[in-house]
PDB file of N, CA and C in Angstrom:
ATOM      1  N   MET A   1     107.091  97.560 109.793  1.00  0.00           N
ATOM      2  CA  MET A   1     106.987  98.912 110.259  1.00  0.00           C
ATOM      3  C   MET A   1     105.616  99.088 110.906  1.00  0.00           C
ATOM      4  N   ASN A   2     105.553  99.477 112.153  1.00  0.00           N
ATOM      5  CA  ASN A   2     104.334  99.771 112.826  1.00  0.00           C
ATOM      6  C   ASN A   2     104.566 100.932 113.806  1.00  0.00           C
ATOM      7  N   HIS A   3     104.146 102.098 113.429  1.00  0.00           N
ATOM      8  CA  HIS A   3     104.318 103.265 114.334  1.00  0.00           C
ATOM      9  C   HIS A   3     102.972 103.753 114.858  1.00  0.00           C
ATOM     10  N   LEU A   4     101.947 102.909 114.791  1.00  0.00           N
ATOM     11  CA  LEU A   4     100.638 103.250 115.376  1.00  0.00           C
ATOM     12  C   LEU A   4     100.625 103.157 116.849  1.00  0.00           C
ATOM     13  N   VAL A   5      99.801 103.920 117.562  1.00  0.00           N
ATOM     14  CA  VAL A   5      99.643 103.853 118.963  1.00  0.00           C
ATOM     15  C   VAL A   5      98.849 102.652 119.337  1.00  0.00           C
ATOM     16  N   ALA A   6      99.379 101.842 120.226  1.00  0.00           N
ATOM     17  CA  ALA A   6      98.718 100.619 120.681  1.00  0.00           C
ATOM     18  C   ALA A   6      97.454 100.952 121.444  1.00  0.00           C
ATOM     19  N   ALA A   7      96.341 100.164 121.253  1.00  0.00           N
ATOM     20  CA  ALA A   7      95.151 100.311 121.990  1.00  0.00           C
ATOM     21  C   ALA A   7      94.728  99.004 122.661  1.00  0.00           C
ATOM     22  N   GLY A   8      95.712  98.199 122.946  1.00  0.00           N
ATOM     23  CA  GLY A   8      95.493  96.864 123.466  1.00  0.00           C
ATOM     24  C   GLY A   8      96.231  95.828 122.733  1.00  0.00           C
ATOM     25  N   ALA A   9      95.997  94.569 123.085  1.00  0.00           N
ATOM     26  CA  ALA A   9      96.660  93.500 122.308  1.00  0.00           C
ATOM     27  C   ALA A   9      96.095  93.332 120.930  1.00  0.00           C
ATOM     28  N   ASP A  10      96.990  93.475 119.949  1.00  0.00           N
ATOM     29  CA  ASP A  10      96.513  93.338 118.504  1.00  0.00           C
ATOM     30  C   ASP A  10      95.535  94.390 118.126  1.00  0.00           C
ATOM     31  N   ARG A  11      95.607  95.608 118.742  1.00  0.00           N
ATOM     32  CA  ARG A  11      94.697  96.714 118.456  1.00  0.00           C
ATOM     33  C   ARG A  11      95.561  97.992 118.390  1.00  0.00           C
ATOM     34  N   TRP A  12      95.193  98.882 117.482  1.00  0.00           N
ATOM     35  CA  TRP A  12      95.912 100.129 117.317  1.00  0.00           C
ATOM     36  C   TRP A  12      94.933 101.246 117.061  1.00  0.00           C
ATOM     37  N   HIS A  13      95.244 102.451 117.595  1.00  0.00           N
ATOM     38  CA  HIS A  13      94.448 103.626 117.426  1.00  0.00           C
ATOM     39  C   HIS A  13      94.624 104.196 116.064  1.00  0.00           C
ATOM     40  N   LEU A  14      93.520 104.617 115.393  1.00  0.00           N
ATOM     41  CA  LEU A  14      93.584 105.277 114.110  1.00  0.00           C
ATOM     42  C   LEU A  14      93.003 106.647 114.303  1.00  0.00           C
ATOM     43  N   ASP A  15      93.620 107.716 113.828  1.00  0.00           N
ATOM     44  CA  ASP A  15      93.119 109.041 113.891  1.00  0.00           C
ATOM     45  C   ASP A  15      91.874 109.225 112.972  1.00  0.00           C
ATOM     46  N   ARG A  16      91.154 110.259 113.318  1.00  0.00           N
ATOM     47  CA  ARG A  16      89.886 110.598 112.571  1.00  0.00           C
ATOM     48  C   ARG A  16      90.144 110.752 111.078  1.00  0.00           C
ATOM     49  N   HIS A  17      91.280 111.221 110.674  1.00  0.00           N
ATOM     50  CA  HIS A  17      91.571 111.515 109.229  1.00  0.00           C
ATOM     51  C   HIS A  17      92.561 110.540 108.714  1.00  0.00           C
ATOM     52  N   ALA A  18      92.669 109.305 109.322  1.00  0.00           N
ATOM     53  CA  ALA A  18      93.609 108.292 108.761  1.00  0.00           C
ATOM     54  C   ALA A  18      93.099 107.861 107.434  1.00  0.00           C
ATOM     55  N   GLN A  19      94.120 107.401 106.602  1.00  0.00           N
ATOM     56  CA  GLN A  19      93.792 106.943 105.222  1.00  0.00           C
ATOM     57  C   GLN A  19      94.445 105.581 105.146  1.00  0.00           C
ATOM     58  N   LEU A  20      93.649 104.589 104.710  1.00  0.00           N
ATOM     59  CA  LEU A  20      94.114 103.189 104.506  1.00  0.00           C
ATOM     60  C   LEU A  20      94.131 102.934 102.982  1.00  0.00           C
ATOM     61  N   VAL A  21      95.324 102.503 102.504  1.00  0.00           N
ATOM     62  CA  VAL A  21      95.421 102.157 101.082  1.00  0.00           C
ATOM     63  C   VAL A  21      95.633 100.597 101.072  1.00  0.00           C
ATOM     64  N   VAL A  22      94.737  99.977 100.353  1.00  0.00           N
ATOM     65  CA  VAL A  22      94.746  98.539 100.251  1.00  0.00           C
ATOM     66  C   VAL A  22      95.037  98.090  98.882  1.00  0.00           C
ATOM     67  N   TYR A  23      96.153  97.370  98.687  1.00  0.00           N
ATOM     68  CA  TYR A  23      96.570  96.851  97.378  1.00  0.00           C
ATOM     69  C   TYR A  23      96.202  95.398  97.330  1.00  0.00           C
ATOM     70  N   GLU A  24      95.433  94.986  96.298  1.00  0.00           N
ATOM     71  CA  GLU A  24      95.029  93.629  96.104  1.00  0.00           C
ATOM     72  C   GLU A  24      95.825  92.970  94.993  1.00  0.00           C
ATOM     73  N   ALA A  25      96.730  92.027  95.300  1.00  0.00           N
ATOM     74  CA  ALA A  25      97.524  91.364  94.282  1.00  0.00           C
ATOM     75  C   ALA A  25      96.687  90.317  93.578  1.00  0.00           C
ATOM     76  N   GLU A  26      97.095  89.953  92.368  1.00  0.00           N
ATOM     77  CA  GLU A  26      96.408  88.972  91.557  1.00  0.00           C
ATOM     78  C   GLU A  26      96.502  87.599  92.189  1.00  0.00           C
ATOM     79  N   ASP A  27      97.564  87.351  92.951  1.00  0.00           N
ATOM     80  CA  ASP A  27      97.793  85.976  93.561  1.00  0.00           C
ATOM     81  C   ASP A  27      96.961  85.845  94.841  1.00  0.00           C
ATOM     82  N   GLY A  28      96.114  86.787  95.166  1.00  0.00           N
ATOM     83  CA  GLY A  28      95.288  86.728  96.297  1.00  0.00           C
ATOM     84  C   GLY A  28      95.864  87.411  97.559  1.00  0.00           C
ATOM     85  N   GLY A  29      97.115  87.834  97.454  1.00  0.00           N
ATOM     86  CA  GLY A  29      97.789  88.505  98.589  1.00  0.00           C
ATOM     87  C   GLY A  29      97.287  89.971  98.695  1.00  0.00           C
ATOM     88  N   GLY A  30      97.670  90.598  99.760  1.00  0.00           N
ATOM     89  CA  GLY A  30      97.239  92.025  99.910  1.00  0.00           C
ATOM     90  C   GLY A  30      98.318  92.735 100.667  1.00  0.00           C
ATOM     91  N   LEU A  31      98.256  94.066 100.540  1.00  0.00           N
ATOM     92  CA  LEU A  31      99.145  94.931 101.293  1.00  0.00           C
ATOM     93  C   LEU A  31      98.357  96.088 101.796  1.00  0.00           C
ATOM     94  N   LEU A  32      98.453  96.345 103.149  1.00  0.00           N
ATOM     95  CA  LEU A  32      97.688  97.369 103.797  1.00  0.00           C
ATOM     96  C   LEU A  32      98.655  98.394 104.269  1.00  0.00           C
ATOM     97  N   THR A  33      98.444  99.667 103.841  1.00  0.00           N
ATOM     98  CA  THR A  33      99.280 100.739 104.183  1.00  0.00           C
ATOM     99  C   THR A  33      98.406 101.839 104.840  1.00  0.00           C
ATOM    100  N   ILE A  34      98.815 102.297 106.002  1.00  0.00           N
ATOM    101  CA  ILE A  34      98.019 103.266 106.772  1.00  0.00           C
ATOM    102  C   ILE A  34      98.813 104.567 106.926  1.00  0.00           C
ATOM    103  N   TYR A  35      98.206 105.678 106.601  1.00  0.00           N
ATOM    104  CA  TYR A  35      98.730 107.006 106.783  1.00  0.00           C
ATOM    105  C   TYR A  35      97.942 107.697 107.888  1.00  0.00           C
ATOM    106  N   ASP A  36      98.557 108.427 108.830  1.00  0.00           N
ATOM    107  CA  ASP A  36      97.874 109.140 109.880  1.00  0.00           C
ATOM    108  C   ASP A  36      96.907 110.154 109.317  1.00  0.00           C
ATOM    109  N   CYS A  37      97.395 110.862 108.286  1.00  0.00           N
ATOM    110  CA  CYS A  37      96.578 111.916 107.609  1.00  0.00           C
ATOM    111  C   CYS A  37      97.150 112.123 106.251  1.00  0.00           C
ATOM    112  N   ALA A  38      96.356 111.993 105.249  1.00  0.00           N
ATOM    113  CA  ALA A  38      96.886 112.124 103.892  1.00  0.00           C
ATOM    114  C   ALA A  38      97.468 113.564 103.649  1.00  0.00           C
ATOM    115  N   ALA A  39      96.988 114.582 104.314  1.00  0.00           N
ATOM    116  CA  ALA A  39      97.436 115.879 104.118  1.00  0.00           C
ATOM    117  C   ALA A  39      98.756 116.164 104.770  1.00  0.00           C
ATOM    118  N   ALA A  40      99.216 115.309 105.690  1.00  0.00           N
ATOM    119  CA  ALA A  40     100.399 115.546 106.424  1.00  0.00           C
ATOM    120  C   ALA A  40     101.682 115.221 105.645  1.00  0.00           C
ATOM    121  N   GLN A  41     101.547 114.479 104.546  1.00  0.00           N
ATOM    122  CA  GLN A  41     102.698 114.143 103.674  1.00  0.00           C
ATOM    123  C   GLN A  41     103.810 113.525 104.454  1.00  0.00           C
ATOM    124  N   LYS A  42     103.484 112.513 105.284  1.00  0.00           N
ATOM    125  CA  LYS A  42     104.477 111.842 106.108  1.00  0.00           C
ATOM    126  C   LYS A  42     104.515 110.370 105.602  1.00  0.00           C
ATOM    127  N   PRO A  43     105.597 109.666 105.870  1.00  0.00           N
ATOM    128  CA  PRO A  43     105.647 108.256 105.511  1.00  0.00           C
ATOM    129  C   PRO A  43     104.528 107.494 106.208  1.00  0.00           C
ATOM    130  N   PRO A  44     104.182 106.304 105.731  1.00  0.00           N
ATOM    131  CA  PRO A  44     103.076 105.539 106.352  1.00  0.00           C
ATOM    132  C   PRO A  44     103.435 105.141 107.812  1.00  0.00           C
ATOM    133  N   SER A  45     102.408 105.055 108.606  1.00  0.00           N
ATOM    134  CA  SER A  45     102.542 104.578 109.993  1.00  0.00           C
ATOM    135  C   SER A  45     102.568 103.074 110.105  1.00  0.00           C
ATOM    136  N   LEU A  46     101.963 102.397 109.099  1.00  0.00           N
ATOM    137  CA  LEU A  46     101.970 100.966 109.099  1.00  0.00           C
ATOM    138  C   LEU A  46     101.962 100.498 107.659  1.00  0.00           C
ATOM    139  N   GLN A  47     102.733  99.465 107.402  1.00  0.00           N
ATOM    140  CA  GLN A  47     102.695  98.765 106.091  1.00  0.00           C
ATOM    141  C   GLN A  47     102.821  97.309 106.401  1.00  0.00           C
ATOM    142  N   GLU A  48     101.728  96.570 106.119  1.00  0.00           N
ATOM    143  CA  GLU A  48     101.611  95.147 106.531  1.00  0.00           C
ATOM    144  C   GLU A  48     100.990  94.321 105.468  1.00  0.00           C
ATOM    145  N   ARG A  49     101.509  93.153 105.190  1.00  0.00           N
ATOM    146  CA  ARG A  49     100.846  92.209 104.319  1.00  0.00           C
ATOM    147  C   ARG A  49      99.576  91.736 104.998  1.00  0.00           C
ATOM    148  N   GLY A  50      98.446  91.780 104.303  1.00  0.00           N
ATOM    149  CA  GLY A  50      97.240  91.360 104.947  1.00  0.00           C
ATOM    150  C   GLY A  50      96.021  91.922 104.175  1.00  0.00           C
ATOM    151  N   HIS A  51      94.852  91.586 104.737  1.00  0.00           N
ATOM    152  CA  HIS A  51      93.561  91.927 104.106  1.00  0.00           C
ATOM    153  C   HIS A  51      92.744  92.747 105.137  1.00  0.00           C
ATOM    154  N   LEU A  52      92.134  93.797 104.624  1.00  0.00           N
ATOM    155  CA  LEU A  52      91.164  94.602 105.405  1.00  0.00           C
ATOM    156  C   LEU A  52      89.803  93.969 105.166  1.00  0.00           C
ATOM    157  N   VAL A  53      89.272  93.273 106.189  1.00  0.00           N
ATOM    158  CA  VAL A  53      88.110  92.467 106.021  1.00  0.00           C
ATOM    159  C   VAL A  53      86.838  93.342 106.079  1.00  0.00           C
ATOM    160  N   ARG A  54      86.874  94.358 106.984  1.00  0.00           N
ATOM    161  CA  ARG A  54      85.649  95.138 107.201  1.00  0.00           C
ATOM    162  C   ARG A  54      86.011  96.500 107.808  1.00  0.00           C
ATOM    163  N   VAL A  55      85.176  97.498 107.511  1.00  0.00           N
ATOM    164  CA  VAL A  55      85.288  98.799 108.180  1.00  0.00           C
ATOM    165  C   VAL A  55      83.983  99.141 108.771  1.00  0.00           C
ATOM    166  N   ASP A  56      83.931  99.190 110.110  1.00  0.00           N
ATOM    167  CA  ASP A  56      82.714  99.458 110.896  1.00  0.00           C
ATOM    168  C   ASP A  56      82.888 100.827 111.535  1.00  0.00           C
ATOM    169  N   ALA A  57      83.198 101.804 110.748  1.00  0.00           N
ATOM    170  CA  ALA A  57      83.386 103.224 111.215  1.00  0.00           C
ATOM    171  C   ALA A  57      83.020 104.118 110.056  1.00  0.00           C
ATOM    172  N   ALA A  58      82.687 105.347 110.297  1.00  0.00           N
ATOM    173  CA  ALA A  58      82.312 106.251 109.207  1.00  0.00           C
ATOM    174  C   ALA A  58      83.553 106.422 108.309  1.00  0.00           C
ATOM    175  N   HIS A  59      83.318 106.259 107.051  1.00  0.00           N
ATOM    176  CA  HIS A  59      84.474 106.341 106.086  1.00  0.00           C
ATOM    177  C   HIS A  59      83.978 106.685 104.631  1.00  0.00           C
ATOM    178  N   GLU A  60      84.943 106.950 103.814  1.00  0.00           N
ATOM    179  CA  GLU A  60      84.682 107.212 102.396  1.00  0.00           C
ATOM    180  C   GLU A  60      85.542 106.137 101.704  1.00  0.00           C
ATOM    181  N   LEU A  61      84.972 105.455 100.730  1.00  0.00           N
ATOM    182  CA  LEU A  61      85.705 104.414  99.969  1.00  0.00           C
ATOM    183  C   LEU A  61      85.793 104.788  98.518  1.00  0.00           C
ATOM    184  N   THR A  62      87.064 104.589  98.027  1.00  0.00           N
ATOM    185  CA  THR A  62      87.403 104.899  96.608  1.00  0.00           C
ATOM    186  C   THR A  62      88.066 103.719  96.001  1.00  0.00           C
ATOM    187  N   HIS A  63      87.545 103.184  94.966  1.00  0.00           N
ATOM    188  CA  HIS A  63      88.163 102.052  94.280  1.00  0.00           C
ATOM    189  C   HIS A  63      89.274 102.568  93.332  1.00  0.00           C
ATOM    190  N   THR A  64      90.364 101.823  93.241  1.00  0.00           N
ATOM    191  CA  THR A  64      91.493 102.161  92.356  1.00  0.00           C
ATOM    192  C   THR A  64      91.756 100.946  91.453  1.00  0.00           C
ATOM    193  N   PRO A  65      92.575 101.093  90.445  1.00  0.00           N
ATOM    194  CA  PRO A  65      92.872  99.892  89.595  1.00  0.00           C
ATOM    195  C   PRO A  65      93.607  98.824  90.366  1.00  0.00           C
ATOM    196  N   THR A  66      94.249  99.086  91.452  1.00  0.00           N
ATOM    197  CA  THR A  66      94.958  98.009  92.209  1.00  0.00           C
ATOM    198  C   THR A  66      94.386  97.668  93.553  1.00  0.00           C
ATOM    199  N   GLY A  67      93.200  98.177  93.858  1.00  0.00           N
ATOM    200  CA  GLY A  67      92.586  97.930  95.156  1.00  0.00           C
ATOM    201  C   GLY A  67      91.622  99.025  95.507  1.00  0.00           C
ATOM    202  N   TYR A  68      91.849  99.671  96.715  1.00  0.00           N
ATOM    203  CA  TYR A  68      90.942 100.719  97.137  1.00  0.00           C
ATOM    204  C   TYR A  68      91.524 101.531  98.242  1.00  0.00           C
ATOM    205  N   VAL A  69      90.930 102.696  98.506  1.00  0.00           N
ATOM    206  CA  VAL A  69      91.427 103.652  99.557  1.00  0.00           C
ATOM    207  C   VAL A  69      90.256 103.883 100.488  1.00  0.00           C
ATOM    208  N   VAL A  70      90.498 103.807 101.797  1.00  0.00           N
ATOM    209  CA  VAL A  70      89.534 104.080 102.804  1.00  0.00           C
ATOM    210  C   VAL A  70      89.963 105.348 103.557  1.00  0.00           C
ATOM    211  N   LYS A  71      89.129 106.357 103.477  1.00  0.00           N
ATOM    212  CA  LYS A  71      89.396 107.639 104.255  1.00  0.00           C
ATOM    213  C   LYS A  71      88.464 107.573 105.444  1.00  0.00           C
ATOM    214  N   LEU A  72      89.057 107.537 106.638  1.00  0.00           N
ATOM    215  CA  LEU A  72      88.204 107.496 107.853  1.00  0.00           C
ATOM    216  C   LEU A  72      87.625 108.868 108.169  1.00  0.00           C
ATOM    217  N   ARG A  73      86.518 108.875 108.802  1.00  0.00           N
ATOM    218  CA  ARG A  73      85.819 110.125 109.184  1.00  0.00           C
ATOM    219  C   ARG A  73      85.578 110.174 110.669  1.00  0.00           C
ATOM    220  N   GLU A  74      86.050 109.174 111.476  1.00  0.00           N
ATOM    221  CA  GLU A  74      85.938 109.204 112.916  1.00  0.00           C
ATOM    222  C   GLU A  74      87.023 108.370 113.499  1.00  0.00           C
ATOM    223  N   GLU A  75      87.400 108.651 114.766  1.00  0.00           N
ATOM    224  CA  GLU A  75      88.463 107.941 115.428  1.00  0.00           C
ATOM    225  C   GLU A  75      88.114 106.473 115.498  1.00  0.00           C
ATOM    226  N   SER A  76      89.016 105.594 115.263  1.00  0.00           N
ATOM    227  CA  SER A  76      88.751 104.155 115.158  1.00  0.00           C
ATOM    228  C   SER A  76      89.941 103.338 115.733  1.00  0.00           C
ATOM    229  N   VAL A  77      89.783 102.092 115.715  1.00  0.00           N
ATOM    230  CA  VAL A  77      90.828 101.137 116.081  1.00  0.00           C
ATOM    231  C   VAL A  77      90.974 100.095 115.001  1.00  0.00           C
ATOM    232  N   LEU A  78      92.216  99.691 114.713  1.00  0.00           N
ATOM    233  CA  LEU A  78      92.512  98.658 113.814  1.00  0.00           C
ATOM    234  C   LEU A  78      92.735  97.414 114.670  1.00  0.00           C
ATOM    235  N   GLU A  79      92.044  96.361 114.333  1.00  0.00           N
ATOM    236  CA  GLU A  79      92.156  95.071 115.124  1.00  0.00           C
ATOM    237  C   GLU A  79      92.623  93.984 114.198  1.00  0.00           C
ATOM    238  N   ARG A  80      93.606  93.251 114.691  1.00  0.00           N
ATOM    239  CA  ARG A  80      94.135  92.068 113.987  1.00  0.00           C
ATOM    240  C   ARG A  80      93.173  90.887 114.264  1.00  0.00           C
ATOM    241  N   GLN A  81      92.760  90.206 113.208  1.00  0.00           N
ATOM    242  CA  GLN A  81      91.891  89.039 113.377  1.00  0.00           C
ATOM    243  C   GLN A  81      92.582  87.920 112.594  1.00  0.00           C
ATOM    244  N   GLY A  82      93.262  87.092 113.278  1.00  0.00           N
ATOM    245  CA  GLY A  82      94.006  85.997 112.605  1.00  0.00           C
ATOM    246  C   GLY A  82      95.322  86.539 112.135  1.00  0.00           C
ATOM    247  N   ASP A  83      95.990  85.713 111.338  1.00  0.00           N
ATOM    248  CA  ASP A  83      97.358  86.058 110.877  1.00  0.00           C
ATOM    249  C   ASP A  83      97.469  87.264 109.977  1.00  0.00           C
ATOM    250  N   ASP A  84      96.537  87.394 109.047  1.00  0.00           N
ATOM    251  CA  ASP A  84      96.632  88.507 108.089  1.00  0.00           C
ATOM    252  C   ASP A  84      95.346  89.192 107.765  1.00  0.00           C
ATOM    253  N   HIS A  85      94.429  89.172 108.731  1.00  0.00           N
ATOM    254  CA  HIS A  85      93.161  89.840 108.519  1.00  0.00           C
ATOM    255  C   HIS A  85      92.987  90.938 109.541  1.00  0.00           C
ATOM    256  N   TYR A  86      92.387  92.076 109.104  1.00  0.00           N
ATOM    257  CA  TYR A  86      92.262  93.265 109.938  1.00  0.00           C
ATOM    258  C   TYR A  86      90.815  93.847 109.756  1.00  0.00           C
ATOM    259  N   VAL A  87      90.332  94.406 110.866  1.00  0.00           N
ATOM    260  CA  VAL A  87      89.071  95.023 110.878  1.00  0.00           C
ATOM    261  C   VAL A  87      89.196  96.449 111.455  1.00  0.00           C
ATOM    262  N   VAL A  88      88.476  97.411 110.999  1.00  0.00           N
ATOM    263  CA  VAL A  88      88.522  98.776 111.572  1.00  0.00           C
ATOM    264  C   VAL A  88      87.140  98.999 112.224  1.00  0.00           C
ATOM    265  N   ARG A  89      87.216  99.346 113.489  1.00  0.00           N
ATOM    266  CA  ARG A  89      85.925  99.628 114.258  1.00  0.00           C
ATOM    267  C   ARG A  89      86.033 101.021 114.827  1.00  0.00           C
ATOM    268  N   ALA A  90      84.799 101.644 114.946  1.00  0.00           N
ATOM    269  CA  ALA A  90      84.669 102.968 115.594  1.00  0.00           C
ATOM    270  C   ALA A  90      85.163 102.863 117.007  1.00  0.00           C
ATOM    271  N   ASP A  91      85.836 103.867 117.439  1.00  0.00           N
ATOM    272  CA  ASP A  91      86.469 103.856 118.869  1.00  0.00           C
ATOM    273  C   ASP A  91      85.407 104.307 119.839  1.00  0.00           C
TER     274      ASP A  91
END
């Protein structure tokens, strides 16, 4: 499932209020779920197995028992780097 707006090859636009939920499994796997806006109460725009390697954009980070939540504070792009690695960069 990927309903994000494309911003080029293996790049997608993230809104200023996007929220990324990262689940880290004990076996080393990960699940990345992206919501356009947490307040919108809509289904996720992206749910992908993979790892969020870095966030180079203004954000707030909250750790949870199963991973962490990244709340973006500026428009950004999600970039795929390799098979299952992703980076968020300011747009």
